[in-house]
Amino acid sequence: MSGLIARKLGMSRVFLDGAAVPVTYLKVEPNIIVRLKNKEKDGYNAVILGIGKKIVRTRKGNELQKFRFLKEWRVDSLEGLTIGSTLAVETIPEASLVTVTAMSKGKGFQGVMKRYHFAGGPATHGSHFKREPGSVGMREMPGRIFRGKKMAGHMGNEQITLHARPVVLCDTEKSVLAVRGAVPGPNGAAVYLTIESPPPSKGAADAKSTPKA
């Protein structure tokens, strides 16, 4: 397998060799295999995992479970994977590197000072320019506002991806992972973890870069 779906619990710290390391604790619920894709039918091998229960009022009480979070990962082989089986926290071993993907906290409609760290105007009595963005363009030339101009608008609630985050702790009894550093999103948000392949050894990299005679 190449990944899991987890829930963010919150931030804390652990001590490694006497140094305090900031970590984010992630709760790994049993990841259920919802669907398997193969090369013959879909063109590639992949597995779709699901966690959580999505309650739909019109179907409340039915036996069929609706998953709240779903995610697809491509795999090299489907051997040993069956629909309905579960994957646990042991899928991601300790000291491995993972790619973390989650939705950042939504902050609503914000001005340019909070959204883009504009300096603003003088915060003194009588000033008519405090938190405004200032000039946004000329009149005749160009006669419009260029695309991408930094202005007030919706902030947050965007997909953020962080690469090469080391797994500091893997607690199999509590199904908890500790990832170094901060993770986007509020507590309880879904976090998608993808195991990164180890970097090539120095000898393999040198052999690849050496031109053939």
C-alpha atoms as a PDB file:
ATOM      1  CA  MET A   1       0.000   0.000   0.000  1.00  0.00           C
ATOM      2  CA  SER A   2       1.038   3.582  -0.566  1.00  0.00           C
ATOM      3  CA  GLY A   3      -1.192   5.627   1.742  1.00  0.00           C
ATOM      4  CA  LEU A   4      -3.848   5.999   4.436  1.00  0.00           C
ATOM      5  CA  ILE A   5      -6.595   8.386   5.521  1.00  0.00           C
ATOM      6  CA  ALA A   6      -6.280   9.824   9.031  1.00  0.00           C
ATOM      7  CA  ARG A   7      -7.926  12.418  11.283  1.00  0.00           C
ATOM      8  CA  LYS A   8      -6.040  15.327  12.830  1.00  0.00           C
ATOM      9  CA  LEU A   9      -6.015  15.262  16.635  1.00  0.00           C
ATOM     10  CA  GLY A  10      -3.838  18.279  17.402  1.00  0.00           C
ATOM     11  CA  MET A  11      -0.267  19.428  17.966  1.00  0.00           C
ATOM     12  CA  SER A  12       2.136  18.542  20.743  1.00  0.00           C
ATOM     13  CA  ARG A  13       5.836  17.843  21.153  1.00  0.00           C
ATOM     14  CA  VAL A  14       8.082  14.876  21.747  1.00  0.00           C
ATOM     15  CA  PHE A  15      11.656  14.757  22.980  1.00  0.00           C
ATOM     16  CA  LEU A  16      14.260  13.108  20.762  1.00  0.00           C
ATOM     17  CA  ASP A  17      17.794  12.956  22.154  1.00  0.00           C
ATOM     18  CA  GLY A  18      16.958  15.787  24.538  1.00  0.00           C
ATOM     19  CA  ALA A  19      15.581  18.087  21.825  1.00  0.00           C
ATOM     20  CA  ALA A  20      11.913  19.142  21.724  1.00  0.00           C
ATOM     21  CA  VAL A  21      10.379  18.279  18.352  1.00  0.00           C
ATOM     22  CA  PRO A  22       6.958  19.719  17.361  1.00  0.00           C
ATOM     23  CA  VAL A  23       4.611  17.036  16.051  1.00  0.00           C
ATOM     24  CA  THR A  24       1.016  16.657  14.909  1.00  0.00           C
ATOM     25  CA  TYR A  25      -0.888  13.614  16.165  1.00  0.00           C
ATOM     26  CA  LEU A  26      -3.058  11.836  13.595  1.00  0.00           C
ATOM     27  CA  LYS A  27      -5.693   9.221  14.420  1.00  0.00           C
ATOM     28  CA  VAL A  28      -5.785   6.405  11.876  1.00  0.00           C
ATOM     29  CA  GLU A  29      -9.226   4.810  11.814  1.00  0.00           C
ATOM     30  CA  PRO A  30      -9.628   1.432  10.070  1.00  0.00           C
ATOM     31  CA  ASN A  31      -9.305   2.209   6.361  1.00  0.00           C
ATOM     32  CA  ILE A  32     -11.773   0.035   4.464  1.00  0.00           C
ATOM     33  CA  ILE A  33     -10.997  -0.965   0.878  1.00  0.00           C
ATOM     34  CA  VAL A  34     -14.032   0.216  -1.062  1.00  0.00           C
ATOM     35  CA  ARG A  35     -12.935  -0.557  -4.622  1.00  0.00           C
ATOM     36  CA  LEU A  36     -10.036  -2.051  -6.549  1.00  0.00           C
ATOM     37  CA  LYS A  37      -9.031  -0.909 -10.036  1.00  0.00           C
ATOM     38  CA  ASN A  38      -6.977  -3.062 -12.399  1.00  0.00           C
ATOM     39  CA  LYS A  39      -5.078  -2.529 -15.631  1.00  0.00           C
ATOM     40  CA  GLU A  40      -7.377  -4.747 -17.696  1.00  0.00           C
ATOM     41  CA  LYS A  41     -10.527  -2.747 -16.939  1.00  0.00           C
ATOM     42  CA  ASP A  42      -9.362   0.696 -15.790  1.00  0.00           C
ATOM     43  CA  GLY A  43      -5.923   0.997 -17.365  1.00  0.00           C
ATOM     44  CA  TYR A  44      -4.012   1.128 -14.065  1.00  0.00           C
ATOM     45  CA  ASN A  45      -3.872  -0.530 -10.659  1.00  0.00           C
ATOM     46  CA  ALA A  46      -5.357   1.464  -7.793  1.00  0.00           C
ATOM     47  CA  VAL A  47      -7.132   1.059  -4.475  1.00  0.00           C
ATOM     48  CA  ILE A  48      -9.864   3.313  -3.064  1.00  0.00           C
ATOM     49  CA  LEU A  49     -10.037   3.627   0.729  1.00  0.00           C
ATOM     50  CA  GLY A  50     -12.842   5.030   2.852  1.00  0.00           C
ATOM     51  CA  ILE A  51     -13.305   6.067   6.486  1.00  0.00           C
ATOM     52  CA  GLY A  52     -16.100   7.597   8.531  1.00  0.00           C
ATOM     53  CA  LYS A  53     -19.835   7.235   8.134  1.00  0.00           C
ATOM     54  CA  LYS A  54     -21.816   9.676   6.044  1.00  0.00           C
ATOM     55  CA  ILE A  55     -25.419   9.878   7.242  1.00  0.00           C
ATOM     56  CA  VAL A  56     -27.888  10.737   4.481  1.00  0.00           C
ATOM     57  CA  ARG A  57     -31.365  11.532   5.779  1.00  0.00           C
ATOM     58  CA  THR A  58     -33.158   9.908   2.871  1.00  0.00           C
ATOM     59  CA  ARG A  59     -31.200   6.684   3.422  1.00  0.00           C
ATOM     60  CA  LYS A  60     -30.885   6.775   7.194  1.00  0.00           C
ATOM     61  CA  GLY A  61     -31.307   3.311   8.643  1.00  0.00           C
ATOM     62  CA  ASN A  62     -30.170   1.436   5.557  1.00  0.00           C
ATOM     63  CA  GLU A  63     -27.536  -1.254   5.942  1.00  0.00           C
ATOM     64  CA  LEU A  64     -25.335   0.115   3.147  1.00  0.00           C
ATOM     65  CA  GLN A  65     -22.589   2.277   4.609  1.00  0.00           C
ATOM     66  CA  LYS A  66     -21.758   5.612   3.030  1.00  0.00           C
ATOM     67  CA  PHE A  67     -18.194   6.742   3.645  1.00  0.00           C
ATOM     68  CA  ARG A  68     -17.530  10.350   4.532  1.00  0.00           C
ATOM     69  CA  PHE A  69     -13.983  10.432   3.142  1.00  0.00           C
ATOM     70  CA  LEU A  70     -12.702   8.553   0.095  1.00  0.00           C
ATOM     71  CA  LYS A  71      -9.261   8.557  -1.510  1.00  0.00           C
ATOM     72  CA  GLU A  72      -7.623   6.693  -4.374  1.00  0.00           C
ATOM     73  CA  TRP A  73      -4.005   5.563  -4.437  1.00  0.00           C
ATOM     74  CA  ARG A  74      -2.212   3.918  -7.333  1.00  0.00           C
ATOM     75  CA  VAL A  75      -0.382   0.702  -6.502  1.00  0.00           C
ATOM     76  CA  ASP A  76       2.020  -1.549  -8.382  1.00  0.00           C
ATOM     77  CA  SER A  77       0.181  -4.757  -7.511  1.00  0.00           C
ATOM     78  CA  LEU A  78      -3.229  -5.743  -6.134  1.00  0.00           C
ATOM     79  CA  GLU A  79      -1.929  -8.933  -4.551  1.00  0.00           C
ATOM     80  CA  GLY A  80      -3.273  -9.445  -1.035  1.00  0.00           C
ATOM     81  CA  LEU A  81      -5.892  -6.681  -1.340  1.00  0.00           C
ATOM     82  CA  THR A  82      -9.601  -7.530  -1.182  1.00  0.00           C
ATOM     83  CA  ILE A  83     -12.709  -5.365  -1.106  1.00  0.00           C
ATOM     84  CA  GLY A  84     -14.036  -4.985   2.439  1.00  0.00           C
ATOM     85  CA  SER A  85     -10.736  -5.650   4.194  1.00  0.00           C
ATOM     86  CA  THR A  86      -9.202  -2.979   6.417  1.00  0.00           C
ATOM     87  CA  LEU A  87      -5.792  -1.336   6.619  1.00  0.00           C
ATOM     88  CA  ALA A  88      -4.376  -0.206   9.952  1.00  0.00           C
ATOM     89  CA  VAL A  89      -1.733   2.201  11.173  1.00  0.00           C
ATOM     90  CA  GLU A  90       1.022  -0.399  10.632  1.00  0.00           C
ATOM     91  CA  THR A  91       0.832   0.403   6.918  1.00  0.00           C
ATOM     92  CA  ILE A  92       3.005   3.482   7.562  1.00  0.00           C
ATOM     93  CA  PRO A  93       6.071   2.433   9.587  1.00  0.00           C
ATOM     94  CA  GLU A  94       7.948   4.688  11.945  1.00  0.00           C
ATOM     95  CA  ALA A  95      10.786   6.837  10.508  1.00  0.00           C
ATOM     96  CA  SER A  96       9.238   6.804   7.032  1.00  0.00           C
ATOM     97  CA  LEU A  97       8.620   9.933   4.948  1.00  0.00           C
ATOM     98  CA  VAL A  98       5.062  10.839   3.966  1.00  0.00           C
ATOM     99  CA  THR A  99       3.336  13.403   1.786  1.00  0.00           C
ATOM    100  CA  VAL A 100       0.584  15.139   3.765  1.00  0.00           C
ATOM    101  CA  THR A 101      -2.474  16.538   1.968  1.00  0.00           C
ATOM    102  CA  ALA A 102      -5.320  18.341   3.755  1.00  0.00           C
ATOM    103  CA  MET A 103      -7.658  21.324   3.486  1.00  0.00           C
ATOM    104  CA  SER A 104      -6.506  24.447   5.298  1.00  0.00           C
ATOM    105  CA  LYS A 105      -8.696  26.290   7.792  1.00  0.00           C
ATOM    106  CA  GLY A 106     -11.331  28.512   6.192  1.00  0.00           C
ATOM    107  CA  LYS A 107     -11.097  32.163   7.244  1.00  0.00           C
ATOM    108  CA  GLY A 108     -13.942  33.632   5.211  1.00  0.00           C
ATOM    109  CA  PHE A 109     -13.780  36.973   3.365  1.00  0.00           C
ATOM    110  CA  GLN A 110     -10.686  38.886   4.468  1.00  0.00           C
ATOM    111  CA  GLY A 111      -8.994  42.150   3.574  1.00  0.00           C
ATOM    112  CA  VAL A 112      -5.573  42.636   2.040  1.00  0.00           C
ATOM    113  CA  MET A 113      -3.806  43.172   5.378  1.00  0.00           C
ATOM    114  CA  LYS A 114      -4.790  39.754   6.718  1.00  0.00           C
ATOM    115  CA  ARG A 115      -4.791  37.968   3.359  1.00  0.00           C
ATOM    116  CA  TYR A 116      -1.537  39.293   1.856  1.00  0.00           C
ATOM    117  CA  HIS A 117       0.140  41.058   4.812  1.00  0.00           C
ATOM    118  CA  PHE A 118      -0.201  44.569   3.383  1.00  0.00           C
ATOM    119  CA  ALA A 119       1.272  47.241   5.651  1.00  0.00           C
ATOM    120  CA  GLY A 120      -1.807  49.480   5.546  1.00  0.00           C
ATOM    121  CA  GLY A 121      -1.891  53.208   6.153  1.00  0.00           C
ATOM    122  CA  PRO A 122      -1.203  55.363   9.215  1.00  0.00           C
ATOM    123  CA  ALA A 123      -3.227  54.159  12.197  1.00  0.00           C
ATOM    124  CA  THR A 124      -3.557  57.691  13.577  1.00  0.00           C
ATOM    125  CA  HIS A 125      -6.437  60.035  14.271  1.00  0.00           C
ATOM    126  CA  GLY A 126      -7.596  61.789  11.142  1.00  0.00           C
ATOM    127  CA  SER A 127      -6.124  59.290   8.697  1.00  0.00           C
ATOM    128  CA  HIS A 128      -8.440  58.323   5.840  1.00  0.00           C
ATOM    129  CA  PHE A 129      -6.283  55.386   4.755  1.00  0.00           C
ATOM    130  CA  LYS A 130      -5.993  52.653   7.366  1.00  0.00           C
ATOM    131  CA  ARG A 131      -6.706  49.148   5.990  1.00  0.00           C
ATOM    132  CA  GLU A 132      -7.490  49.911   2.350  1.00  0.00           C
ATOM    133  CA  PRO A 133      -5.488  48.275  -0.486  1.00  0.00           C
ATOM    134  CA  GLY A 134      -4.570  51.543  -2.198  1.00  0.00           C
ATOM    135  CA  SER A 135      -4.349  52.117  -5.947  1.00  0.00           C
ATOM    136  CA  VAL A 136      -5.189  49.147  -8.164  1.00  0.00           C
ATOM    137  CA  GLY A 137      -4.392  50.636 -11.599  1.00  0.00           C
ATOM    138  CA  MET A 138      -4.481  53.605 -13.974  1.00  0.00           C
ATOM    139  CA  ARG A 139      -7.562  54.944 -15.756  1.00  0.00           C
ATOM    140  CA  GLU A 140      -6.837  55.167 -19.475  1.00  0.00           C
ATOM    141  CA  MET A 141      -3.812  52.882 -19.551  1.00  0.00           C
ATOM    142  CA  PRO A 142      -4.375  50.008 -19.019  1.00  0.00           C
ATOM    143  CA  GLY A 143      -7.995  50.904 -18.237  1.00  0.00           C
ATOM    144  CA  ARG A 144      -8.528  47.676 -16.354  1.00  0.00           C
ATOM    145  CA  ILE A 145      -7.244  45.641 -13.428  1.00  0.00           C
ATOM    146  CA  PHE A 146      -4.697  42.991 -14.288  1.00  0.00           C
ATOM    147  CA  ARG A 147      -5.520  39.383 -13.526  1.00  0.00           C
ATOM    148  CA  GLY A 148      -3.997  38.200 -10.257  1.00  0.00           C
ATOM    149  CA  LYS A 149      -4.072  41.584  -8.535  1.00  0.00           C
ATOM    150  CA  LYS A 150      -3.882  41.129  -4.774  1.00  0.00           C
ATOM    151  CA  MET A 151      -7.237  42.259  -3.406  1.00  0.00           C
ATOM    152  CA  ALA A 152      -9.689  41.344  -0.668  1.00  0.00           C
ATOM    153  CA  GLY A 153     -11.446  38.014  -1.047  1.00  0.00           C
ATOM    154  CA  HIS A 154     -11.992  34.506   0.247  1.00  0.00           C
ATOM    155  CA  MET A 155      -9.126  33.169   2.352  1.00  0.00           C
ATOM    156  CA  GLY A 156      -8.305  29.628   3.393  1.00  0.00           C
ATOM    157  CA  ASN A 157     -10.156  26.356   2.710  1.00  0.00           C
ATOM    158  CA  GLU A 158      -7.565  25.388   0.095  1.00  0.00           C
ATOM    159  CA  GLN A 159      -5.862  22.063  -0.492  1.00  0.00           C
ATOM    160  CA  ILE A 160      -2.334  22.124   0.916  1.00  0.00           C
ATOM    161  CA  THR A 161       0.301  19.460   0.225  1.00  0.00           C
ATOM    162  CA  LEU A 162       3.463  19.039   2.304  1.00  0.00           C
ATOM    163  CA  HIS A 163       6.257  16.744   1.138  1.00  0.00           C
ATOM    164  CA  ALA A 164       8.842  14.645   2.972  1.00  0.00           C
ATOM    165  CA  ARG A 165       7.332  14.858   6.458  1.00  0.00           C
ATOM    166  CA  PRO A 166       8.999  12.276   8.748  1.00  0.00           C
ATOM    167  CA  VAL A 167       6.865   9.991  10.924  1.00  0.00           C
ATOM    168  CA  VAL A 168       8.294  10.428  14.418  1.00  0.00           C
ATOM    169  CA  LEU A 169       6.033   7.977  16.284  1.00  0.00           C
ATOM    170  CA  CYS A 170       3.752   5.071  15.357  1.00  0.00           C
ATOM    171  CA  ASP A 171       1.548   3.822  18.220  1.00  0.00           C
ATOM    172  CA  THR A 172      -0.119   0.615  17.053  1.00  0.00           C
ATOM    173  CA  GLU A 173      -2.176   0.181  20.244  1.00  0.00           C
ATOM    174  CA  LYS A 174      -3.849   3.602  19.989  1.00  0.00           C
ATOM    175  CA  SER A 175      -3.711   3.759  16.156  1.00  0.00           C
ATOM    176  CA  VAL A 176      -1.952   7.118  16.304  1.00  0.00           C
ATOM    177  CA  LEU A 177       0.795   8.587  14.140  1.00  0.00           C
ATOM    178  CA  ALA A 178       2.991  11.557  15.043  1.00  0.00           C
ATOM    179  CA  VAL A 179       4.165  13.558  12.028  1.00  0.00           C
ATOM    180  CA  ARG A 180       6.871  16.170  12.458  1.00  0.00           C
ATOM    181  CA  GLY A 181       5.718  19.766  12.107  1.00  0.00           C
ATOM    182  CA  ALA A 182       2.319  21.325  11.530  1.00  0.00           C
ATOM    183  CA  VAL A 183      -0.444  19.816   9.400  1.00  0.00           C
ATOM    184  CA  PRO A 184      -3.072  21.951   7.615  1.00  0.00           C
ATOM    185  CA  GLY A 185      -6.682  22.007   8.741  1.00  0.00           C
ATOM    186  CA  PRO A 186      -8.626  22.099  12.016  1.00  0.00           C
ATOM    187  CA  ASN A 187      -8.696  19.302  14.570  1.00  0.00           C
ATOM    188  CA  GLY A 188     -10.832  16.449  13.297  1.00  0.00           C
ATOM    189  CA  ALA A 189     -10.138  17.189   9.634  1.00  0.00           C
ATOM    190  CA  ALA A 190      -9.276  14.433   7.180  1.00  0.00           C
ATOM    191  CA  VAL A 191      -5.580  14.096   6.357  1.00  0.00           C
ATOM    192  CA  TYR A 192      -4.349  12.027   3.412  1.00  0.00           C
ATOM    193  CA  LEU A 193      -0.939  10.395   3.911  1.00  0.00           C
ATOM    194  CA  THR A 194       1.091   9.016   1.010  1.00  0.00           C
ATOM    195  CA  ILE A 195       4.284   7.061   1.634  1.00  0.00           C
ATOM    196  CA  GLU A 196       7.192   8.522  -0.307  1.00  0.00           C
ATOM    197  CA  SER A 197       9.679   6.216  -1.968  1.00  0.00           C
ATOM    198  CA  PRO A 198      13.155   6.398  -0.413  1.00  0.00           C
ATOM    199  CA  PRO A 199      15.702   8.561  -2.240  1.00  0.00           C
ATOM    200  CA  PRO A 200      18.201   6.733  -4.455  1.00  0.00           C
ATOM    201  CA  SER A 201      21.524   5.782  -2.946  1.00  0.00           C
ATOM    202  CA  LYS A 202      24.591   7.871  -3.721  1.00  0.00           C
ATOM    203  CA  GLY A 203      26.187   5.067  -5.718  1.00  0.00           C
ATOM    204  CA  ALA A 204      23.087   4.613  -7.874  1.00  0.00           C
ATOM    205  CA  ALA A 205      22.840   8.360  -8.472  1.00  0.00           C
ATOM    206  CA  ASP A 206      26.521   8.585  -9.457  1.00  0.00           C
ATOM    207  CA  ALA A 207      26.191   5.635 -11.810  1.00  0.00           C
ATOM    208  CA  LYS A 208      23.166   7.225 -13.451  1.00  0.00           C
ATOM    209  CA  SER A 209      24.912  10.568 -13.944  1.00  0.00           C
ATOM    210  CA  THR A 210      28.166   9.052 -15.284  1.00  0.00           C
ATOM    211  CA  PRO A 211      28.140   9.112 -19.121  1.00  0.00           C
ATOM    212  CA  LYS A 212      28.749   5.866 -20.914  1.00  0.00           C
ATOM    213  CA  ALA A 213      32.035   5.471 -22.781  1.00  0.00           C
END
